[in-house]
Amino acid sequence: MGYACSFFKPQAPMKTQATLELADIQAIAAAAQSEAQKNKWAVSIAIVDAGGHLLHFQRLDGAPPISSHIAPAKANTAALGQRESKIYEDLINAGRVSFLSAPAIHGMLEGGVPIMKDGCCIGAVGVSGVKSTEDAQIAKAGIAAIGL
């Protein structure tokens, strides 16, 4: 049975969004690892999809054990928030400590960087193990490898 009612209007086509593919993930991971090793930084590197789900993880030799928990948390925070995790650290440091109770966000430290394409977050990279600014530098070097 078809509908001929006038209140059914044609809708605009559904939006599409890019996604990270295995080749992208491998390129990001290799570039991030290269940046870390070039600087002799022992870190953990996590790559997640837009929903914050882990796609790749590596802990370089000498990286602190805790970094294996912090890097994925930073990546998850950057993906879910669709902005760098440093934003949350800055909010908290500015006195908005109530933000610590935000649900599902645990990596509120600099070093989580979203992967943005056409205005949409398609994933994120989180790095932990050295100074937060260096963690972010490594994450950004990884993302640059895919031209974003």
Protein backbone atom coordinates (compact mmCIF):
# COMPACT_ATOMS: atom_id res chain seq x y z
CA MET A 1 0.00 0.00 0.00
CA GLY A 2 1.55 3.32 -1.05
CA TYR A 3 1.05 6.67 0.56
CA ALA A 4 -0.26 9.56 -1.49
CA CYS A 5 -0.61 11.96 1.41
CA SER A 6 0.55 15.48 0.85
CA PHE A 7 2.32 15.69 4.19
CA PHE A 8 5.05 13.28 3.01
CA LYS A 9 7.66 15.50 1.44
CA PRO A 10 10.73 14.32 -0.40
CA GLN A 11 13.72 14.48 1.90
CA ALA A 12 17.22 15.61 1.12
CA PRO A 13 19.65 12.77 0.49
CA MET A 14 21.25 11.25 3.56
CA LYS A 15 24.62 12.72 4.49
CA THR A 16 27.70 10.60 4.15
CA GLN A 17 30.81 10.75 6.26
CA ALA A 18 34.34 9.56 5.63
CA THR A 19 35.72 6.78 7.80
CA LEU A 20 39.19 5.67 8.70
CA GLU A 21 40.36 2.66 6.72
CA LEU A 22 43.12 0.24 7.65
CA ALA A 23 45.61 2.01 5.35
CA ASP A 24 44.84 5.33 7.08
CA ILE A 25 45.32 3.80 10.51
CA GLN A 26 48.62 2.21 9.50
CA ALA A 27 49.89 5.49 8.02
CA ILE A 28 48.91 7.46 11.13
CA ALA A 29 50.53 4.89 13.43
CA ALA A 30 53.75 4.77 11.41
CA ALA A 31 54.08 8.56 11.25
CA ALA A 32 53.33 8.97 14.96
CA GLN A 33 55.84 6.27 15.85
CA SER A 34 58.43 7.89 13.58
CA GLU A 35 57.91 11.30 15.24
CA ALA A 36 58.28 9.76 18.68
CA GLN A 37 61.39 7.77 17.81
CA LYS A 38 63.00 10.71 15.99
CA ASN A 39 62.80 12.62 19.27
CA LYS A 40 63.68 9.59 21.43
CA TRP A 41 60.31 9.75 23.18
CA ALA A 42 58.93 6.54 24.71
CA VAL A 43 55.15 6.77 24.39
CA SER A 44 51.95 4.86 23.89
CA ILE A 45 49.88 5.69 20.82
CA ALA A 46 46.15 4.98 20.44
CA ILE A 47 43.92 5.52 17.42
CA VAL A 48 40.12 5.41 17.75
CA ASP A 49 37.14 5.81 15.43
CA ALA A 50 34.53 8.57 15.66
CA GLY A 51 32.76 6.74 18.49
CA GLY A 52 35.95 6.42 20.51
CA HIS A 53 36.38 2.70 19.83
CA LEU A 54 39.98 1.51 19.78
CA LEU A 55 41.31 0.72 16.29
CA HIS A 56 45.05 0.63 17.00
CA PHE A 57 47.34 0.69 20.01
CA GLN A 58 51.08 0.50 20.43
CA ARG A 59 53.36 1.01 23.40
CA LEU A 60 56.90 1.86 22.38
CA ASP A 61 59.82 0.39 24.28
CA GLY A 62 60.38 2.22 27.53
CA ALA A 63 56.95 3.88 27.64
CA PRO A 64 55.55 4.09 31.17
CA PRO A 65 52.94 1.40 31.92
CA ILE A 66 50.33 4.02 32.87
CA SER A 67 50.60 5.49 29.36
CA SER A 68 48.83 2.40 28.03
CA HIS A 69 45.73 3.57 29.87
CA ILE A 70 46.11 7.31 29.32
CA ALA A 71 46.68 7.30 25.53
CA PRO A 72 43.40 5.51 24.68
CA ALA A 73 41.53 7.71 27.16
CA LYS A 74 42.89 10.86 25.52
CA ALA A 75 41.94 9.56 22.07
CA ASN A 76 38.46 8.62 23.26
CA THR A 77 37.94 12.07 24.79
CA ALA A 78 39.09 13.83 21.61
CA ALA A 79 36.80 11.71 19.42
CA LEU A 80 33.68 12.02 21.58
CA GLY A 81 34.24 15.72 22.20
CA GLN A 82 35.30 16.37 18.60
CA ARG A 83 38.05 18.67 19.86
CA GLU A 84 41.50 18.39 21.36
CA SER A 85 41.55 16.92 24.85
CA LYS A 86 43.59 19.97 25.93
CA ILE A 87 40.34 21.98 25.89
CA TYR A 88 39.08 19.97 28.87
CA GLU A 89 42.37 20.25 30.73
CA ASP A 90 42.26 24.04 30.25
CA LEU A 91 38.66 24.22 31.53
CA ILE A 92 39.54 22.30 34.66
CA ASN A 93 42.73 24.30 35.25
CA ALA A 94 40.69 27.50 34.91
CA GLY A 95 38.59 26.39 37.88
CA ARG A 96 35.73 24.46 36.31
CA VAL A 97 36.51 21.34 38.34
CA SER A 98 32.92 20.16 38.11
CA PHE A 99 33.82 19.07 34.58
CA LEU A 100 35.69 16.16 36.15
CA SER A 101 32.27 14.54 36.62
CA ALA A 102 31.48 14.54 32.87
CA PRO A 103 30.32 11.04 31.88
CA ALA A 104 32.44 8.83 29.59
CA ILE A 105 35.32 11.29 29.45
CA HIS A 106 38.46 10.17 31.27
CA GLY A 107 41.41 11.53 29.28
CA MET A 108 41.14 15.22 30.01
CA LEU A 109 44.82 15.93 29.43
CA GLU A 110 46.58 17.39 26.40
CA GLY A 111 47.62 14.78 23.86
CA GLY A 112 44.30 13.70 22.33
CA VAL A 113 43.72 15.14 18.85
CA PRO A 114 40.61 14.60 16.72
CA ILE A 115 40.90 13.58 13.09
CA MET A 116 38.68 16.02 11.20
CA LYS A 117 37.58 15.69 7.57
CA ASP A 118 35.04 17.97 5.91
CA GLY A 119 34.03 19.37 9.30
CA CYS A 120 33.33 15.93 10.78
CA CYS A 121 35.30 14.00 13.35
CA ILE A 122 36.23 10.60 11.90
CA GLY A 123 38.43 9.49 14.78
CA ALA A 124 41.24 10.63 17.04
CA VAL A 125 44.80 9.94 18.10
CA GLY A 126 45.86 9.88 21.74
CA VAL A 127 49.46 9.84 22.90
CA SER A 128 50.91 9.55 26.40
CA GLY A 129 54.37 9.20 27.87
CA VAL A 130 56.18 12.52 27.57
CA LYS A 131 55.23 16.18 28.14
CA SER A 132 51.65 16.85 27.06
CA THR A 133 52.74 19.27 24.34
CA GLU A 134 55.04 16.56 22.96
CA ASP A 135 52.24 14.01 23.13
CA ALA A 136 50.10 16.35 21.01
CA GLN A 137 52.99 16.92 18.60
CA ILE A 138 53.23 13.18 18.00
CA ALA A 139 49.46 12.84 17.49
CA LYS A 140 49.41 15.72 15.00
CA ALA A 141 52.37 14.26 13.09
CA GLY A 142 50.41 11.02 12.74
CA ILE A 143 47.30 12.77 11.46
CA ALA A 144 49.36 14.82 8.99
CA ALA A 145 50.42 11.55 7.34
CA ILE A 146 46.95 11.20 5.81
CA GLY A 147 46.82 14.80 4.67
CA LEU A 148 44.50 16.13 7.39
